[in-house]
C-alpha atoms as a PDB file:
ATOM      1  CA  UNK A   1       1.515  44.104  16.619  1.00  0.00           C
ATOM      2  CA  UNK A   2      -1.079  43.055  14.337  1.00  0.00           C
ATOM      3  CA  UNK A   3       0.097  40.199  11.789  1.00  0.00           C
ATOM      4  CA  UNK A   4      -1.868  40.501   8.592  1.00  0.00           C
ATOM      5  CA  UNK A   5      -4.453  37.719   8.037  1.00  0.00           C
ATOM      6  CA  UNK A   6      -5.970  35.982   5.031  1.00  0.00           C
ATOM      7  CA  UNK A   7      -9.011  33.886   3.359  1.00  0.00           C
ATOM      8  CA  UNK A   8      -8.427  30.738   1.480  1.00  0.00           C
ATOM      9  CA  UNK A   9     -10.850  28.926   0.077  1.00  0.00           C
ATOM     10  CA  UNK A  10     -10.753  25.350  -1.679  1.00  0.00           C
ATOM     11  CA  UNK A  11     -13.284  22.529  -2.947  1.00  0.00           C
ATOM     12  CA  UNK A  12     -13.679  19.243  -0.486  1.00  0.00           C
ATOM     13  CA  UNK A  13     -15.398  16.096  -0.408  1.00  0.00           C
ATOM     14  CA  UNK A  14     -18.314  16.660   1.326  1.00  0.00           C
ATOM     15  CA  UNK A  15     -18.268  13.567   3.096  1.00  0.00           C
ATOM     16  CA  UNK A  16     -14.625  13.727   4.074  1.00  0.00           C
ATOM     17  CA  UNK A  17     -15.815  17.350   5.131  1.00  0.00           C
ATOM     18  CA  UNK A  18     -17.607  16.264   7.581  1.00  0.00           C
ATOM     19  CA  UNK A  19     -15.819  13.564   8.570  1.00  0.00           C
ATOM     20  CA  UNK A  20     -12.555  14.943   9.475  1.00  0.00           C
ATOM     21  CA  UNK A  21     -15.267  18.830  10.917  1.00  0.00           C
ATOM     22  CA  UNK A  22     -16.589  15.719  13.578  1.00  0.00           C
ATOM     23  CA  UNK A  23     -13.346  14.739  14.267  1.00  0.00           C
ATOM     24  CA  UNK A  24     -11.834  18.833  15.543  1.00  0.00           C
ATOM     25  CA  UNK A  25     -15.104  18.524  17.062  1.00  0.00           C
ATOM     26  CA  UNK A  26     -14.213  16.196  19.494  1.00  0.00           C
ATOM     27  CA  UNK A  27     -10.212  17.002  19.655  1.00  0.00           C
ATOM     28  CA  UNK A  28     -12.350  20.442  20.087  1.00  0.00           C
ATOM     29  CA  UNK A  29     -10.442  22.244  17.213  1.00  0.00           C
ATOM     30  CA  UNK A  30     -11.698  24.205  14.056  1.00  0.00           C
ATOM     31  CA  UNK A  31     -10.927  23.991  10.303  1.00  0.00           C
ATOM     32  CA  UNK A  32      -9.404  26.624  10.243  1.00  0.00           C
ATOM     33  CA  UNK A  33      -6.882  25.980  13.647  1.00  0.00           C
ATOM     34  CA  UNK A  34      -5.744  22.522  10.750  1.00  0.00           C
ATOM     35  CA  UNK A  35      -5.335  24.860   8.308  1.00  0.00           C
ATOM     36  CA  UNK A  36      -3.595  26.754  10.445  1.00  0.00           C
ATOM     37  CA  UNK A  37      -1.780  23.277  12.317  1.00  0.00           C
ATOM     38  CA  UNK A  38      -0.909  22.394   8.705  1.00  0.00           C
ATOM     39  CA  UNK A  39       0.859  25.023   7.409  1.00  0.00           C
ATOM     40  CA  UNK A  40       2.521  25.504  10.465  1.00  0.00           C
ATOM     41  CA  UNK A  41       3.955  21.576   9.515  1.00  0.00           C
ATOM     42  CA  UNK A  42       5.053  22.633   6.241  1.00  0.00           C
ATOM     43  CA  UNK A  43       6.998  25.480   7.053  1.00  0.00           C
ATOM     44  CA  UNK A  44       8.850  23.517  10.166  1.00  0.00           C
ATOM     45  CA  UNK A  45       9.654  20.571   8.440  1.00  0.00           C
ATOM     46  CA  UNK A  46      10.581  22.103   5.019  1.00  0.00           C
ATOM     47  CA  UNK A  47      13.742  20.269   4.938  1.00  0.00           C
ATOM     48  CA  UNK A  48      12.128  16.872   4.679  1.00  0.00           C
ATOM     49  CA  UNK A  49      10.118  17.348   1.342  1.00  0.00           C
ATOM     50  CA  UNK A  50       8.938  12.857   1.870  1.00  0.00           C
ATOM     51  CA  UNK A  51       7.665  13.238   4.813  1.00  0.00           C
ATOM     52  CA  UNK A  52       5.508  15.965   3.805  1.00  0.00           C
ATOM     53  CA  UNK A  53       4.277  14.892   0.709  1.00  0.00           C
ATOM     54  CA  UNK A  54       3.613  11.581   3.387  1.00  0.00           C
ATOM     55  CA  UNK A  55       1.310  13.561   5.328  1.00  0.00           C
ATOM     56  CA  UNK A  56      -0.548  16.187   2.219  1.00  0.00           C
ATOM     57  CA  UNK A  57      -0.813  13.175  -0.215  1.00  0.00           C
ATOM     58  CA  UNK A  58      -0.125   9.792   1.276  1.00  0.00           C
ATOM     59  CA  UNK A  59      -2.404   7.960  -1.775  1.00  0.00           C
ATOM     60  CA  UNK A  60       1.229   9.756  -3.481  1.00  0.00           C
ATOM     61  CA  UNK A  61       3.080   7.100  -1.838  1.00  0.00           C
ATOM     62  CA  UNK A  62       0.841   4.216  -2.111  1.00  0.00           C
ATOM     63  CA  UNK A  63       0.940   4.001   0.975  1.00  0.00           C
ATOM     64  CA  UNK A  64      -1.930   1.816   3.187  1.00  0.00           C
ATOM     65  CA  UNK A  65      -2.463   5.042   6.039  1.00  0.00           C
ATOM     66  CA  UNK A  66      -4.030   1.992   8.173  1.00  0.00           C
ATOM     67  CA  UNK A  67      -0.341  -0.216   7.911  1.00  0.00           C
ATOM     68  CA  UNK A  68       2.303   1.880   9.653  1.00  0.00           C
ATOM     69  CA  UNK A  69      -0.795   0.772  12.643  1.00  0.00           C
ATOM     70  CA  UNK A  70      -1.167  -2.085  11.606  1.00  0.00           C
ATOM     71  CA  UNK A  71       3.211  -3.189  11.369  1.00  0.00           C
ATOM     72  CA  UNK A  72       3.196  -0.408  15.029  1.00  0.00           C
ATOM     73  CA  UNK A  73       1.166  -3.018  16.781  1.00  0.00           C
ATOM     74  CA  UNK A  74       3.211  -6.432  15.424  1.00  0.00           C
ATOM     75  CA  UNK A  75       6.377  -4.861  16.085  1.00  0.00           C
ATOM     76  CA  UNK A  76       4.644  -4.483  18.988  1.00  0.00           C
ATOM     77  CA  UNK A  77       3.361  -7.986  19.519  1.00  0.00           C
ATOM     78  CA  UNK A  78       6.731  -9.319  19.076  1.00  0.00           C
ATOM     79  CA  UNK A  79       8.445  -7.228  21.556  1.00  0.00           C
ATOM     80  CA  UNK A  80       6.401  -8.174  24.362  1.00  0.00           C
ATOM     81  CA  UNK A  81       6.465 -11.713  22.827  1.00  0.00           C
ATOM     82  CA  UNK A  82      10.040 -11.570  23.510  1.00  0.00           C
ATOM     83  CA  UNK A  83       9.628  -9.289  27.066  1.00  0.00           C
ATOM     84  CA  UNK A  84       7.654 -12.389  28.148  1.00  0.00           C
ATOM     85  CA  UNK A  85       9.927 -15.349  27.575  1.00  0.00           C
ATOM     86  CA  UNK A  86      12.710 -13.799  29.259  1.00  0.00           C
ATOM     87  CA  UNK A  87      10.273 -12.470  32.030  1.00  0.00           C
ATOM     88  CA  UNK A  88      10.149 -16.279  32.149  1.00  0.00           C
ATOM     89  CA  UNK A  89      13.581 -17.141  31.916  1.00  0.00           C
ATOM     90  CA  UNK A  90      14.313 -14.370  34.675  1.00  0.00           C
ATOM     91  CA  UNK A  91      11.963 -15.640  37.081  1.00  0.00           C
ATOM     92  CA  UNK A  92      12.588 -19.440  36.690  1.00  0.00           C
ATOM     93  CA  UNK A  93       9.159 -19.778  35.137  1.00  0.00           C
ATOM     94  CA  UNK A  94       8.160 -23.481  33.906  1.00  0.00           C
ATOM     95  CA  UNK A  95       8.518 -22.451  29.761  1.00  0.00           C
ATOM     96  CA  UNK A  96       6.080 -25.142  28.978  1.00  0.00           C
ATOM     97  CA  UNK A  97       3.590 -24.064  31.314  1.00  0.00           C
ATOM     98  CA  UNK A  98       2.637 -20.710  29.064  1.00  0.00           C
ATOM     99  CA  UNK A  99      -0.295 -20.339  31.633  1.00  0.00           C
ATOM    100  CA  UNK A 100       2.584 -18.172  33.473  1.00  0.00           C
ATOM    101  CA  UNK A 101       2.360 -15.230  31.421  1.00  0.00           C
ATOM    102  CA  UNK A 102      -0.058 -13.729  30.615  1.00  0.00           C
ATOM    103  CA  UNK A 103      -0.310 -13.747  26.689  1.00  0.00           C
ATOM    104  CA  UNK A 104      -0.621 -10.415  24.681  1.00  0.00           C
ATOM    105  CA  UNK A 105      -4.561 -10.443  24.138  1.00  0.00           C
ATOM    106  CA  UNK A 106      -4.852 -11.430  27.897  1.00  0.00           C
ATOM    107  CA  UNK A 107      -2.741  -8.852  28.720  1.00  0.00           C
ATOM    108  CA  UNK A 108      -5.219  -6.859  26.842  1.00  0.00           C
ATOM    109  CA  UNK A 109      -8.400  -8.269  28.031  1.00  0.00           C
ATOM    110  CA  UNK A 110      -6.967  -7.644  31.579  1.00  0.00           C
ATOM    111  CA  UNK A 111      -6.088  -3.737  30.585  1.00  0.00           C
ATOM    112  CA  UNK A 112      -9.918  -2.946  29.374  1.00  0.00           C
ATOM    113  CA  UNK A 113     -11.942  -5.052  31.388  1.00  0.00           C
ATOM    114  CA  UNK A 114      -9.830  -2.680  34.439  1.00  0.00           C
ATOM    115  CA  UNK A 115     -10.987   0.270  32.654  1.00  0.00           C
ATOM    116  CA  UNK A 116     -14.458  -0.202  31.596  1.00  0.00           C
ATOM    117  CA  UNK A 117     -14.608  -1.405  35.634  1.00  0.00           C
ATOM    118  CA  UNK A 118     -13.335   2.200  36.418  1.00  0.00           C
ATOM    119  CA  UNK A 119     -15.481   3.872  34.111  1.00  0.00           C
ATOM    120  CA  UNK A 120     -18.514   2.179  33.828  1.00  0.00           C
END
């Protein structure tokens, strides 16, 4: 069965288009695929208009897109600290010797060194 197709034309800031096209290329997608994906998402999630508005126009909500990432990272750091403290307690490590359990930054740096060592 053949699906009826339609063509859409839209205006977009030239720099935003260049940047977006670059991102899509790294994902192996075309602008048309991105629009089809957005439309499918809108139809699939139509019962949650607030979520749709946040995706389509986050500025209308006064949201800084990086705020979500910053909050998630902060939350992850807090959970790591709590987990490290619980681990130190469970293993009867001396809490006055923080070097026994690596800090978040030490763990992250070790992960980067391991990854870069594998790639380099």
